Structures are given as C-alpha cells and as structure tokens.
Amino acid sequence: MLPGEITAASKKRPRGAIDLLPPGPISDLSVEFRPLLPKEKTERDGSLMILISAGNFSMGSTEGEKDVESSEFPQHEVYLDNFYIDQFEVTVQQYNSTKGL
C-alpha cells in the first residue's frame, strides 16, 4: 500500500457495517453509477424540457480563428453534468408570468 492510499480495509465504517468492498485499493474499482433520468419532462407552465446528457466539450477558441475575444483563450475541456433545457424559446408571456406581470 502506498502512503495516503485508501483501501477498503482502511476506510472507517460505522460499527456493524457490512464490508461490501473487495480488499485492495479503492482506485482499482471501476464502477460508475449514473441515475436514470427521463429524456424529457414538462414544467408547471406546460413547457417541455429535454435532457442534455453529461459530457465533455471544448470551450474557447483556437489560435487560428478570426474575430474572437481574448477571453476565449486558451481552448480547454469542460465537463458538464446532466441538465434540462427548454426545447423551445421562452415566450414573452411565459417570462412575464414568472415575474407576476
């Protein structure tokens, strides 16, 4: 075991807890849990929202691009969790209803 390495045996557990982890470094486990989310959902106002799955994307501009701001450099990878977004643009009526107008 390396200094600072966490193993199933070294992890503190409450008394009476059942050890479900195999012996050895926890980093050896390659289990990924992803909750199952509906592909779309309807909000209280009736608007349809769609699921955007988690993943990486490149944010920013590359050196060869024209008409870009200096704040767009350097290009880098960004990870986003799952999120929902309206399928259609918000109407003025929908926006005003959130403001109590």
Foldseek 3Di string as FASTA:
>chain_A
DDPPFDWLVNDDDPPPDDRPGDTDGPVVDDDDDDDDDDQWDADPVGFIKGKDAKDKDWFADPPPDPDDDPVRPDIDIDTDHIDIDTPDDQDPVNVVVVVVD
